[in-house]
Amino acid sequence: MSNMASRSTNAGPQQVATIAHVESPTEGRNPRTTDIDRLSTHGILSAINAEDAQVAGAVRSVLDVLATAVDHAVAALRGGGRVHYVGAGTSGRLAVLDAAELVPTYNVPADWFVAHHAGGERALRLPVENAEDDESAGAAEIAESVTPGDFVLGLTASGRTPYVLGALKEAKRLGAHTGLVSDNPSAPVPAEVDVSIVVDTGAEAVAGSTRMKAGTAQKMVLTAFSTATMVKLGRTYSNLMVGMLATNAKLRGRTLRILGEATGADEQACDAALTRADGDLKVALVHLLGDVDVTTAADALDHAGGHVRDALDEVRPRAS
């Protein structure tokens, strides 16, 4: 189990420091890299790369529970709720990055995915003293923004970050579903966590540097989690991004390329279809693939909850 012991130290006049001892594989010394400081530059990179190569397998082992988290997120968004990420340090920065990238990538509302980072915006660039140890701050931030039916996903390499656990406890009290991504199989799973996603990445190449394998694993989990959520919500057709509006020249060019890839139509036909669809790529897709007018295409998409394939099944049962 995670063992956190605290004591006061003489850290200067009228200053008290708290020491936390965390038992986790990520804190241990890696026997494969004990001589990393004796290696050549290429040798150092090779040692790090060899450790990184293990991460995908560790993530693969948690796909079943990750799928449950995705289903919670889809249900929350379909029900008018939101998905919240909560983290500190590297975990929090990765969460902010993932949430921010979903808006331009899939044209989702900016408040669908909300990232809460211990210490706020300043902590994205600079360390904020004791921010991750403030359980009440995590709870307070969640209390201000979470509603019943939301899904709250915490991220912490150690599995015991107080800011994250405080947030999850408050989220559960408010009626949200909760998940926790950690890299520490030794940490107890809090009672407030519905879905525990433990990615055992083992000892880091540099002991305790959880921005390495643990961080890579969390990035992979987040990317897979949010992408799968977008696919389930109909933000793709096949493996193409179709949840965008052509609001500028660059996006119109990208939209025309996607429309051509999906339909096989030439650029002139795609441009005309996109114009008739008022720049809505999904409507243009169903219009061309289903051979129906844009009004019928838009209605079918509305009935299908925005899923292009389901809309095509409605207007043209044999559509693939």
C-alpha atoms as a PDB file:
ATOM      1  CA  MET A   1       0.000   0.000   0.000  1.00  0.00           C
ATOM      2  CA  SER A   2       1.020   3.588  -0.453  1.00  0.00           C
ATOM      3  CA  ASN A   3       2.822   4.740   2.661  1.00  0.00           C
ATOM      4  CA  MET A   4       2.750   8.477   3.298  1.00  0.00           C
ATOM      5  CA  ALA A   5       4.586   9.630   6.388  1.00  0.00           C
ATOM      6  CA  SER A   6       4.876  13.286   7.354  1.00  0.00           C
ATOM      7  CA  ARG A   7       7.203  15.161   9.681  1.00  0.00           C
ATOM      8  CA  SER A   8       8.441  18.692  10.184  1.00  0.00           C
ATOM      9  CA  THR A   9      11.940  19.721   9.165  1.00  0.00           C
ATOM     10  CA  ASN A  10      14.052  22.772   9.907  1.00  0.00           C
ATOM     11  CA  ALA A  11      13.616  24.388   6.501  1.00  0.00           C
ATOM     12  CA  GLY A  12      14.346  27.944   7.637  1.00  0.00           C
ATOM     13  CA  PRO A  13      12.845  30.452  10.076  1.00  0.00           C
ATOM     14  CA  GLN A  14       9.111  29.992  10.560  1.00  0.00           C
ATOM     15  CA  GLN A  15       8.961  27.506   7.663  1.00  0.00           C
ATOM     16  CA  VAL A  16       7.676  23.971   7.917  1.00  0.00           C
ATOM     17  CA  ALA A  17       8.169  21.437   5.139  1.00  0.00           C
ATOM     18  CA  THR A  18       6.212  18.237   4.831  1.00  0.00           C
ATOM     19  CA  ILE A  19       7.872  15.088   3.570  1.00  0.00           C
ATOM     20  CA  ALA A  20       5.853  12.371   1.869  1.00  0.00           C
ATOM     21  CA  HIS A  21       7.342   8.930   1.242  1.00  0.00           C
ATOM     22  CA  VAL A  22       5.512   7.232  -1.612  1.00  0.00           C
ATOM     23  CA  GLU A  23       5.878   3.529  -2.251  1.00  0.00           C
ATOM     24  CA  SER A  24       5.549   3.021  -5.994  1.00  0.00           C
ATOM     25  CA  PRO A  25       7.449   1.168  -8.718  1.00  0.00           C
ATOM     26  CA  THR A  26       8.033   4.537 -10.399  1.00  0.00           C
ATOM     27  CA  GLU A  27      10.147   5.616  -7.418  1.00  0.00           C
ATOM     28  CA  GLY A  28      12.417   2.568  -7.497  1.00  0.00           C
ATOM     29  CA  ARG A  29      15.832   2.280  -9.110  1.00  0.00           C
ATOM     30  CA  ASN A  30      15.776   0.613 -12.491  1.00  0.00           C
ATOM     31  CA  PRO A  31      18.416  -2.162 -12.667  1.00  0.00           C
ATOM     32  CA  ARG A  32      18.642  -1.724 -16.435  1.00  0.00           C
ATOM     33  CA  THR A  33      19.785   1.898 -16.223  1.00  0.00           C
ATOM     34  CA  THR A  34      22.084   2.053 -13.184  1.00  0.00           C
ATOM     35  CA  ASP A  35      25.032   2.899 -15.466  1.00  0.00           C
ATOM     36  CA  ILE A  36      23.150   5.422 -17.606  1.00  0.00           C
ATOM     37  CA  ASP A  37      25.564   8.161 -16.562  1.00  0.00           C
ATOM     38  CA  ARG A  38      28.473   6.154 -17.977  1.00  0.00           C
ATOM     39  CA  LEU A  39      26.936   5.668 -21.406  1.00  0.00           C
ATOM     40  CA  SER A  40      27.560   7.547 -24.624  1.00  0.00           C
ATOM     41  CA  THR A  41      24.931  10.002 -25.827  1.00  0.00           C
ATOM     42  CA  HIS A  42      23.524   7.347 -28.149  1.00  0.00           C
ATOM     43  CA  GLY A  43      23.658   4.806 -25.335  1.00  0.00           C
ATOM     44  CA  ILE A  44      21.617   7.056 -23.044  1.00  0.00           C
ATOM     45  CA  LEU A  45      19.004   7.536 -25.734  1.00  0.00           C
ATOM     46  CA  SER A  46      18.920   3.801 -26.466  1.00  0.00           C
ATOM     47  CA  ALA A  47      18.379   2.997 -22.788  1.00  0.00           C
ATOM     48  CA  ILE A  48      15.516   5.484 -22.554  1.00  0.00           C
ATOM     49  CA  ASN A  49      13.990   4.199 -25.786  1.00  0.00           C
ATOM     50  CA  ALA A  50      14.146   0.604 -24.547  1.00  0.00           C
ATOM     51  CA  GLU A  51      12.165   1.611 -21.466  1.00  0.00           C
ATOM     52  CA  ASP A  52       9.664   3.610 -23.547  1.00  0.00           C
ATOM     53  CA  ALA A  53       9.054   0.555 -25.738  1.00  0.00           C
ATOM     54  CA  GLN A  54       7.365  -1.139 -22.781  1.00  0.00           C
ATOM     55  CA  VAL A  55       4.686   1.505 -22.376  1.00  0.00           C
ATOM     56  CA  ALA A  56       2.353   0.440 -25.186  1.00  0.00           C
ATOM     57  CA  GLY A  57       2.089  -3.057 -23.736  1.00  0.00           C
ATOM     58  CA  ALA A  58       1.309  -1.671 -20.295  1.00  0.00           C
ATOM     59  CA  VAL A  59      -1.466   0.480 -21.773  1.00  0.00           C
ATOM     60  CA  ARG A  60      -2.783  -2.480 -23.772  1.00  0.00           C
ATOM     61  CA  SER A  61      -3.330  -4.386 -20.534  1.00  0.00           C
ATOM     62  CA  VAL A  62      -5.858  -1.808 -19.264  1.00  0.00           C
ATOM     63  CA  LEU A  63      -8.009  -1.425 -22.386  1.00  0.00           C
ATOM     64  CA  ASP A  64     -10.988  -3.227 -20.828  1.00  0.00           C
ATOM     65  CA  VAL A  65     -11.263  -0.745 -17.953  1.00  0.00           C
ATOM     66  CA  LEU A  66     -10.389   2.159 -20.249  1.00  0.00           C
ATOM     67  CA  ALA A  67     -13.363   1.148 -22.416  1.00  0.00           C
ATOM     68  CA  THR A  68     -15.610   1.476 -19.361  1.00  0.00           C
ATOM     69  CA  ALA A  69     -14.281   4.993 -18.796  1.00  0.00           C
ATOM     70  CA  VAL A  70     -15.012   5.884 -22.429  1.00  0.00           C
ATOM     71  CA  ASP A  71     -18.582   4.619 -22.073  1.00  0.00           C
ATOM     72  CA  HIS A  72     -19.036   6.819 -18.985  1.00  0.00           C
ATOM     73  CA  ALA A  73     -17.732   9.824 -20.913  1.00  0.00           C
ATOM     74  CA  VAL A  74     -20.010   9.165 -23.886  1.00  0.00           C
ATOM     75  CA  ALA A  75     -23.020   8.811 -21.597  1.00  0.00           C
ATOM     76  CA  ALA A  76     -22.134  12.054 -19.813  1.00  0.00           C
ATOM     77  CA  LEU A  77     -21.807  14.050 -23.039  1.00  0.00           C
ATOM     78  CA  ARG A  78     -24.921  12.546 -24.612  1.00  0.00           C
ATOM     79  CA  GLY A  79     -26.828  13.473 -21.471  1.00  0.00           C
ATOM     80  CA  GLY A  80     -25.782  17.102 -21.631  1.00  0.00           C
ATOM     81  CA  GLY A  81     -22.981  16.750 -19.084  1.00  0.00           C
ATOM     82  CA  ARG A  82     -19.239  17.234 -19.300  1.00  0.00           C
ATOM     83  CA  VAL A  83     -15.969  15.367 -18.914  1.00  0.00           C
ATOM     84  CA  HIS A  84     -13.489  16.712 -16.372  1.00  0.00           C
ATOM     85  CA  TYR A  85      -9.780  15.948 -16.118  1.00  0.00           C
ATOM     86  CA  VAL A  86      -8.017  16.509 -12.785  1.00  0.00           C
ATOM     87  CA  GLY A  87      -4.266  16.371 -12.322  1.00  0.00           C
ATOM     88  CA  ALA A  88      -1.124  17.963 -10.929  1.00  0.00           C
ATOM     89  CA  GLY A  89       2.315  18.469 -12.412  1.00  0.00           C
ATOM     90  CA  THR A  90       2.948  16.422 -15.549  1.00  0.00           C
ATOM     91  CA  SER A  91      -0.428  14.701 -15.251  1.00  0.00           C
ATOM     92  CA  GLY A  92      -2.242  18.021 -15.102  1.00  0.00           C
ATOM     93  CA  ARG A  93      -0.308  19.488 -18.019  1.00  0.00           C
ATOM     94  CA  LEU A  94      -1.104  16.462 -20.177  1.00  0.00           C
ATOM     95  CA  ALA A  95      -4.765  16.795 -19.233  1.00  0.00           C
ATOM     96  CA  VAL A  96      -4.829  20.472 -20.217  1.00  0.00           C
ATOM     97  CA  LEU A  97      -3.182  19.629 -23.547  1.00  0.00           C
ATOM     98  CA  ASP A  98      -5.657  16.864 -24.375  1.00  0.00           C
ATOM     99  CA  ALA A  99      -8.704  18.953 -23.526  1.00  0.00           C
ATOM    100  CA  ALA A 100      -7.423  21.944 -25.508  1.00  0.00           C
ATOM    101  CA  GLU A 101      -6.694  19.932 -28.654  1.00  0.00           C
ATOM    102  CA  LEU A 102     -10.193  18.462 -28.915  1.00  0.00           C
ATOM    103  CA  VAL A 103     -11.784  21.808 -29.791  1.00  0.00           C
ATOM    104  CA  PRO A 104      -9.905  22.448 -33.060  1.00  0.00           C
ATOM    105  CA  THR A 105      -9.607  18.756 -33.939  1.00  0.00           C
ATOM    106  CA  TYR A 106     -13.258  17.776 -33.612  1.00  0.00           C
ATOM    107  CA  ASN A 107     -15.066  21.124 -33.377  1.00  0.00           C
ATOM    108  CA  VAL A 108     -16.530  20.217 -29.986  1.00  0.00           C
ATOM    109  CA  PRO A 109     -17.921  22.849 -27.626  1.00  0.00           C
ATOM    110  CA  ALA A 110     -15.129  24.327 -25.522  1.00  0.00           C
ATOM    111  CA  ASP A 111     -16.760  23.194 -22.285  1.00  0.00           C
ATOM    112  CA  TRP A 112     -17.236  19.523 -23.196  1.00  0.00           C
ATOM    113  CA  PHE A 113     -13.831  18.645 -21.730  1.00  0.00           C
ATOM    114  CA  VAL A 114     -12.648  20.689 -18.753  1.00  0.00           C
ATOM    115  CA  ALA A 115      -9.138  20.334 -17.325  1.00  0.00           C
ATOM    116  CA  HIS A 116      -8.443  21.178 -13.673  1.00  0.00           C
ATOM    117  CA  HIS A 117      -4.733  21.608 -12.879  1.00  0.00           C
ATOM    118  CA  ALA A 118      -3.429  21.957  -9.327  1.00  0.00           C
ATOM    119  CA  GLY A 119      -2.070  25.474  -8.906  1.00  0.00           C
ATOM    120  CA  GLY A 120      -4.025  26.868 -11.848  1.00  0.00           C
ATOM    121  CA  GLU A 121      -2.634  28.396 -15.020  1.00  0.00           C
ATOM    122  CA  ARG A 122       0.628  29.520 -13.406  1.00  0.00           C
ATOM    123  CA  ALA A 123       1.453  25.909 -12.525  1.00  0.00           C
ATOM    124  CA  LEU A 124       1.471  24.986 -16.217  1.00  0.00           C
ATOM    125  CA  ARG A 125       4.854  26.716 -16.513  1.00  0.00           C
ATOM    126  CA  LEU A 126       6.201  27.041 -12.984  1.00  0.00           C
ATOM    127  CA  PRO A 127       6.016  24.927  -9.810  1.00  0.00           C
ATOM    128  CA  VAL A 128       3.426  26.115  -7.305  1.00  0.00           C
ATOM    129  CA  GLU A 129       4.346  25.179  -3.758  1.00  0.00           C
ATOM    130  CA  ASN A 130       2.139  22.515  -2.147  1.00  0.00           C
ATOM    131  CA  ALA A 131      -0.567  22.830  -4.822  1.00  0.00           C
ATOM    132  CA  GLU A 132      -0.805  19.086  -5.406  1.00  0.00           C
ATOM    133  CA  ASP A 133      -1.009  18.421  -1.657  1.00  0.00           C
ATOM    134  CA  ASP A 134      -4.102  20.586  -1.169  1.00  0.00           C
ATOM    135  CA  GLU A 135      -7.017  18.148  -1.037  1.00  0.00           C
ATOM    136  CA  SER A 136      -9.494  20.892  -0.196  1.00  0.00           C
ATOM    137  CA  ALA A 137      -8.488  22.890  -3.293  1.00  0.00           C
ATOM    138  CA  GLY A 138      -9.288  19.932  -5.526  1.00  0.00           C
ATOM    139  CA  ALA A 139     -12.647  19.482  -3.847  1.00  0.00           C
ATOM    140  CA  ALA A 140     -13.446  23.203  -4.064  1.00  0.00           C
ATOM    141  CA  GLU A 141     -12.680  23.407  -7.785  1.00  0.00           C
ATOM    142  CA  ILE A 142     -14.885  20.421  -8.529  1.00  0.00           C
ATOM    143  CA  ALA A 143     -17.694  21.792  -6.363  1.00  0.00           C
ATOM    144  CA  GLU A 144     -17.779  24.883  -8.590  1.00  0.00           C
ATOM    145  CA  SER A 145     -18.111  23.090 -11.911  1.00  0.00           C
ATOM    146  CA  VAL A 146     -19.322  19.479 -11.669  1.00  0.00           C
ATOM    147  CA  THR A 147     -22.965  18.482 -11.949  1.00  0.00           C
ATOM    148  CA  PRO A 148     -24.643  15.074 -11.525  1.00  0.00           C
ATOM    149  CA  GLY A 149     -24.056  12.866 -14.550  1.00  0.00           C
ATOM    150  CA  ASP A 150     -20.655  14.355 -15.410  1.00  0.00           C
ATOM    151  CA  PHE A 151     -17.599  12.106 -15.684  1.00  0.00           C
ATOM    152  CA  VAL A 152     -14.486  13.101 -13.736  1.00  0.00           C
ATOM    153  CA  LEU A 153     -11.162  11.443 -14.596  1.00  0.00           C
ATOM    154  CA  GLY A 154      -8.257  11.942 -12.216  1.00  0.00           C
ATOM    155  CA  LEU A 155      -4.642  11.404 -13.226  1.00  0.00           C
ATOM    156  CA  THR A 156      -1.784  10.794 -10.817  1.00  0.00           C
ATOM    157  CA  ALA A 157       1.353   8.709 -11.296  1.00  0.00           C
ATOM    158  CA  SER A 158       1.542   7.880  -7.593  1.00  0.00           C
ATOM    159  CA  GLY A 159      -2.167   7.139  -7.204  1.00  0.00           C
ATOM    160  CA  ARG A 160      -2.288   9.260  -4.045  1.00  0.00           C
ATOM    161  CA  THR A 161      -2.064  12.949  -5.015  1.00  0.00           C
ATOM    162  CA  PRO A 162      -4.308  14.733  -2.465  1.00  0.00           C
ATOM    163  CA  TYR A 163      -5.545  17.405  -4.911  1.00  0.00           C
ATOM    164  CA  VAL A 164      -6.768  14.689  -7.280  1.00  0.00           C
ATOM    165  CA  LEU A 165      -8.271  12.445  -4.615  1.00  0.00           C
ATOM    166  CA  GLY A 166     -10.052  15.394  -3.006  1.00  0.00           C
ATOM    167  CA  ALA A 167     -11.553  16.267  -6.380  1.00  0.00           C
ATOM    168  CA  LEU A 168     -12.747  12.706  -6.996  1.00  0.00           C
ATOM    169  CA  LYS A 169     -14.296  12.461  -3.544  1.00  0.00           C
ATOM    170  CA  GLU A 170     -16.248  15.676  -4.097  1.00  0.00           C
ATOM    171  CA  ALA A 171     -17.263  14.616  -7.607  1.00  0.00           C
ATOM    172  CA  LYS A 172     -18.702  11.376  -6.288  1.00  0.00           C
ATOM    173  CA  ARG A 173     -20.597  13.255  -3.582  1.00  0.00           C
ATOM    174  CA  LEU A 174     -22.123  15.467  -6.264  1.00  0.00           C
ATOM    175  CA  GLY A 175     -23.394  12.493  -8.268  1.00  0.00           C
ATOM    176  CA  ALA A 176     -20.747  12.298 -10.993  1.00  0.00           C
ATOM    177  CA  HIS A 177     -19.083   9.113 -12.193  1.00  0.00           C
ATOM    178  CA  THR A 178     -15.373   8.935 -11.514  1.00  0.00           C
ATOM    179  CA  GLY A 179     -12.225   7.318 -12.861  1.00  0.00           C
ATOM    180  CA  LEU A 180      -8.584   7.344 -11.830  1.00  0.00           C
ATOM    181  CA  VAL A 181      -5.521   6.804 -14.019  1.00  0.00           C
ATOM    182  CA  SER A 182      -2.389   5.921 -12.052  1.00  0.00           C
ATOM    183  CA  ASP A 183       0.920   4.159 -12.559  1.00  0.00           C
ATOM    184  CA  ASN A 184       1.114   2.657  -9.076  1.00  0.00           C
ATOM    185  CA  PRO A 185      -0.366  -0.816  -8.540  1.00  0.00           C
ATOM    186  CA  SER A 186       0.588  -0.530  -4.849  1.00  0.00           C
ATOM    187  CA  ALA A 187      -1.728   2.407  -4.157  1.00  0.00           C
ATOM    188  CA  PRO A 188      -5.154   1.599  -2.694  1.00  0.00           C
ATOM    189  CA  VAL A 189      -8.104   2.457  -4.920  1.00  0.00           C
ATOM    190  CA  PRO A 190     -10.288   5.074  -3.182  1.00  0.00           C
ATOM    191  CA  ALA A 191     -13.894   4.104  -2.563  1.00  0.00           C
ATOM    192  CA  GLU A 192     -14.977   7.142  -4.574  1.00  0.00           C
ATOM    193  CA  VAL A 193     -13.459   5.765  -7.804  1.00  0.00           C
ATOM    194  CA  ASP A 194     -15.799   3.908 -10.168  1.00  0.00           C
ATOM    195  CA  VAL A 195     -13.159   2.999 -12.762  1.00  0.00           C
ATOM    196  CA  SER A 196      -9.555   2.320 -11.749  1.00  0.00           C
ATOM    197  CA  ILE A 197      -7.052   2.398 -14.627  1.00  0.00           C
ATOM    198  CA  VAL A 198      -3.656   1.309 -13.313  1.00  0.00           C
ATOM    199  CA  VAL A 199      -0.913   1.321 -15.944  1.00  0.00           C
ATOM    200  CA  ASP A 200       2.083  -0.437 -14.415  1.00  0.00           C
ATOM    201  CA  THR A 201       5.047   1.127 -16.197  1.00  0.00           C
ATOM    202  CA  GLY A 202       7.564   0.042 -13.556  1.00  0.00           C
ATOM    203  CA  ALA A 203      10.753   1.861 -12.616  1.00  0.00           C
ATOM    204  CA  GLU A 204      11.722   4.904 -14.644  1.00  0.00           C
ATOM    205  CA  ALA A 205      15.017   5.209 -16.505  1.00  0.00           C
ATOM    206  CA  VAL A 206      15.794   7.959 -13.980  1.00  0.00           C
ATOM    207  CA  ALA A 207      14.290   6.998 -10.619  1.00  0.00           C
ATOM    208  CA  GLY A 208      11.159   8.955  -9.767  1.00  0.00           C
ATOM    209  CA  SER A 209      11.050  10.967 -13.011  1.00  0.00           C
ATOM    210  CA  THR A 210       7.422  10.208 -13.763  1.00  0.00           C
ATOM    211  CA  ARG A 211       7.356  12.591 -16.735  1.00  0.00           C
ATOM    212  CA  MET A 212       9.018   9.698 -18.577  1.00  0.00           C
ATOM    213  CA  LYS A 213       7.266   6.298 -18.887  1.00  0.00           C
ATOM    214  CA  ALA A 214       4.454   7.169 -16.502  1.00  0.00           C
ATOM    215  CA  GLY A 215       3.809  10.413 -18.363  1.00  0.00           C
ATOM    216  CA  THR A 216       3.986   8.686 -21.736  1.00  0.00           C
ATOM    217  CA  ALA A 217       1.457   6.115 -20.545  1.00  0.00           C
ATOM    218  CA  GLN A 218      -0.910   8.834 -19.335  1.00  0.00           C
ATOM    219  CA  LYS A 219      -0.591  10.659 -22.669  1.00  0.00           C
ATOM    220  CA  MET A 220      -1.438   7.432 -24.506  1.00  0.00           C
ATOM    221  CA  VAL A 221      -4.393   6.759 -22.200  1.00  0.00           C
ATOM    222  CA  LEU A 222      -5.758  10.289 -22.619  1.00  0.00           C
ATOM    223  CA  THR A 223      -5.361  10.303 -26.388  1.00  0.00           C
ATOM    224  CA  ALA A 224      -7.048   6.915 -26.724  1.00  0.00           C
ATOM    225  CA  PHE A 225      -9.776   7.858 -24.237  1.00  0.00           C
ATOM    226  CA  SER A 226     -10.735  11.154 -25.885  1.00  0.00           C
ATOM    227  CA  THR A 227     -10.384   9.868 -29.450  1.00  0.00           C
ATOM    228  CA  ALA A 228     -12.566   6.828 -28.737  1.00  0.00           C
ATOM    229  CA  THR A 229     -15.114   9.147 -27.140  1.00  0.00           C
ATOM    230  CA  MET A 230     -15.155  11.326 -30.261  1.00  0.00           C
ATOM    231  CA  VAL A 231     -15.560   8.285 -32.536  1.00  0.00           C
ATOM    232  CA  LYS A 232     -18.454   6.977 -30.436  1.00  0.00           C
ATOM    233  CA  LEU A 233     -20.111  10.392 -30.626  1.00  0.00           C
ATOM    234  CA  GLY A 234     -19.950  10.420 -34.417  1.00  0.00           C
ATOM    235  CA  ARG A 235     -17.180  12.961 -34.810  1.00  0.00           C
ATOM    236  CA  THR A 236     -15.522  10.754 -37.442  1.00  0.00           C
ATOM    237  CA  TYR A 237     -16.632   8.990 -40.605  1.00  0.00           C
ATOM    238  CA  SER A 238     -14.396   5.983 -41.157  1.00  0.00           C
ATOM    239  CA  ASN A 239     -11.047   7.314 -39.923  1.00  0.00           C
ATOM    240  CA  LEU A 240     -11.664  10.845 -41.176  1.00  0.00           C
ATOM    241  CA  MET A 241     -12.346  13.886 -38.986  1.00  0.00           C
ATOM    242  CA  VAL A 242     -15.744  15.194 -40.031  1.00  0.00           C
ATOM    243  CA  GLY A 243     -16.878  17.273 -37.082  1.00  0.00           C
ATOM    244  CA  MET A 244     -15.544  20.527 -38.490  1.00  0.00           C
ATOM    245  CA  LEU A 245     -17.008  23.614 -40.139  1.00  0.00           C
ATOM    246  CA  ALA A 246     -15.165  25.292 -43.009  1.00  0.00           C
ATOM    247  CA  THR A 247     -14.869  28.732 -41.436  1.00  0.00           C
ATOM    248  CA  ASN A 248     -11.634  29.885 -43.097  1.00  0.00           C
ATOM    249  CA  ALA A 249      -9.541  29.157 -46.190  1.00  0.00           C
ATOM    250  CA  LYS A 250      -7.288  26.619 -44.471  1.00  0.00           C
ATOM    251  CA  LEU A 251     -10.191  24.686 -42.990  1.00  0.00           C
ATOM    252  CA  ARG A 252     -12.083  24.794 -46.273  1.00  0.00           C
ATOM    253  CA  GLY A 253      -9.098  23.257 -48.026  1.00  0.00           C
ATOM    254  CA  ARG A 254      -8.843  20.527 -45.404  1.00  0.00           C
ATOM    255  CA  THR A 255     -12.591  19.953 -45.545  1.00  0.00           C
ATOM    256  CA  LEU A 256     -12.553  19.603 -49.331  1.00  0.00           C
ATOM    257  CA  ARG A 257      -9.730  17.079 -49.083  1.00  0.00           C
ATOM    258  CA  ILE A 258     -11.632  15.002 -46.521  1.00  0.00           C
ATOM    259  CA  LEU A 259     -14.821  15.209 -48.558  1.00  0.00           C
ATOM    260  CA  GLY A 260     -12.964  14.021 -51.653  1.00  0.00           C
ATOM    261  CA  GLU A 261     -11.313  11.156 -49.727  1.00  0.00           C
ATOM    262  CA  ALA A 262     -14.671   9.987 -48.388  1.00  0.00           C
ATOM    263  CA  THR A 263     -16.742  10.318 -51.569  1.00  0.00           C
ATOM    264  CA  GLY A 264     -14.330  10.047 -54.480  1.00  0.00           C
ATOM    265  CA  ALA A 265     -15.836  13.210 -55.982  1.00  0.00           C
ATOM    266  CA  ASP A 266     -13.587  15.801 -57.621  1.00  0.00           C
ATOM    267  CA  GLU A 267     -12.784  19.111 -55.956  1.00  0.00           C
ATOM    268  CA  GLN A 268     -15.313  21.079 -57.979  1.00  0.00           C
ATOM    269  CA  ALA A 269     -18.160  18.753 -56.980  1.00  0.00           C
ATOM    270  CA  CYS A 270     -17.016  18.773 -53.368  1.00  0.00           C
ATOM    271  CA  ASP A 271     -16.802  22.557 -53.308  1.00  0.00           C
ATOM    272  CA  ALA A 272     -20.327  22.873 -54.694  1.00  0.00           C
ATOM    273  CA  ALA A 273     -21.665  20.345 -52.169  1.00  0.00           C
ATOM    274  CA  LEU A 274     -19.945  22.106 -49.291  1.00  0.00           C
ATOM    275  CA  THR A 275     -21.407  25.425 -50.404  1.00  0.00           C
ATOM    276  CA  ARG A 276     -24.914  23.933 -50.529  1.00  0.00           C
ATOM    277  CA  ALA A 277     -24.319  22.526 -47.035  1.00  0.00           C
ATOM    278  CA  ASP A 278     -23.258  25.942 -45.669  1.00  0.00           C
ATOM    279  CA  GLY A 279     -19.802  24.589 -44.868  1.00  0.00           C
ATOM    280  CA  ASP A 280     -21.063  21.651 -42.791  1.00  0.00           C
ATOM    281  CA  LEU A 281     -18.887  18.685 -43.746  1.00  0.00           C
ATOM    282  CA  LYS A 282     -21.235  16.041 -42.342  1.00  0.00           C
ATOM    283  CA  VAL A 283     -24.203  17.401 -44.271  1.00  0.00           C
ATOM    284  CA  ALA A 284     -22.108  17.523 -47.446  1.00  0.00           C
ATOM    285  CA  LEU A 285     -21.022  13.911 -46.892  1.00  0.00           C
ATOM    286  CA  VAL A 286     -24.546  12.569 -46.503  1.00  0.00           C
ATOM    287  CA  HIS A 287     -25.699  14.784 -49.393  1.00  0.00           C
ATOM    288  CA  LEU A 288     -23.106  13.268 -51.747  1.00  0.00           C
ATOM    289  CA  LEU A 289     -22.914   9.685 -50.466  1.00  0.00           C
ATOM    290  CA  GLY A 290     -26.657   9.337 -49.979  1.00  0.00           C
ATOM    291  CA  ASP A 291     -27.564  11.218 -53.137  1.00  0.00           C
ATOM    292  CA  VAL A 292     -30.132  13.344 -51.301  1.00  0.00           C
ATOM    293  CA  ASP A 293     -30.626  17.085 -50.996  1.00  0.00           C
ATOM    294  CA  VAL A 294     -28.953  18.955 -48.133  1.00  0.00           C
ATOM    295  CA  THR A 295     -32.196  19.397 -46.183  1.00  0.00           C
ATOM    296  CA  THR A 296     -32.817  15.634 -46.176  1.00  0.00           C
ATOM    297  CA  ALA A 297     -29.167  15.064 -45.261  1.00  0.00           C
ATOM    298  CA  ALA A 298     -29.350  17.496 -42.339  1.00  0.00           C
ATOM    299  CA  ASP A 299     -32.587  15.939 -41.063  1.00  0.00           C
ATOM    300  CA  ALA A 300     -31.111  12.445 -41.247  1.00  0.00           C
ATOM    301  CA  LEU A 301     -28.056  13.552 -39.294  1.00  0.00           C
ATOM    302  CA  ASP A 302     -30.269  15.123 -36.674  1.00  0.00           C
ATOM    303  CA  HIS A 303     -32.233  11.876 -36.300  1.00  0.00           C
ATOM    304  CA  ALA A 304     -28.968   9.906 -36.133  1.00  0.00           C
ATOM    305  CA  GLY A 305     -27.444  12.043 -33.410  1.00  0.00           C
ATOM    306  CA  GLY A 306     -24.765  13.329 -35.765  1.00  0.00           C
ATOM    307  CA  HIS A 307     -23.488   9.918 -36.911  1.00  0.00           C
ATOM    308  CA  VAL A 308     -22.784   9.945 -40.639  1.00  0.00           C
ATOM    309  CA  ARG A 309     -23.043   6.163 -41.085  1.00  0.00           C
ATOM    310  CA  ASP A 310     -26.363   6.009 -39.247  1.00  0.00           C
ATOM    311  CA  ALA A 311     -27.691   8.930 -41.294  1.00  0.00           C
ATOM    312  CA  LEU A 312     -26.640   7.145 -44.484  1.00  0.00           C
ATOM    313  CA  ASP A 313     -28.461   4.012 -43.316  1.00  0.00           C
ATOM    314  CA  GLU A 314     -31.581   6.146 -42.991  1.00  0.00           C
ATOM    315  CA  VAL A 315     -31.416   7.789 -46.422  1.00  0.00           C
ATOM    316  CA  ARG A 316     -29.836   4.910 -48.291  1.00  0.00           C
ATOM    317  CA  PRO A 317     -30.050   1.533 -46.502  1.00  0.00           C
ATOM    318  CA  ARG A 318     -27.314   0.015 -48.653  1.00  0.00           C
ATOM    319  CA  ALA A 319     -24.787   2.774 -47.874  1.00  0.00           C
ATOM    320  CA  SER A 320     -21.521   1.463 -46.476  1.00  0.00           C
END
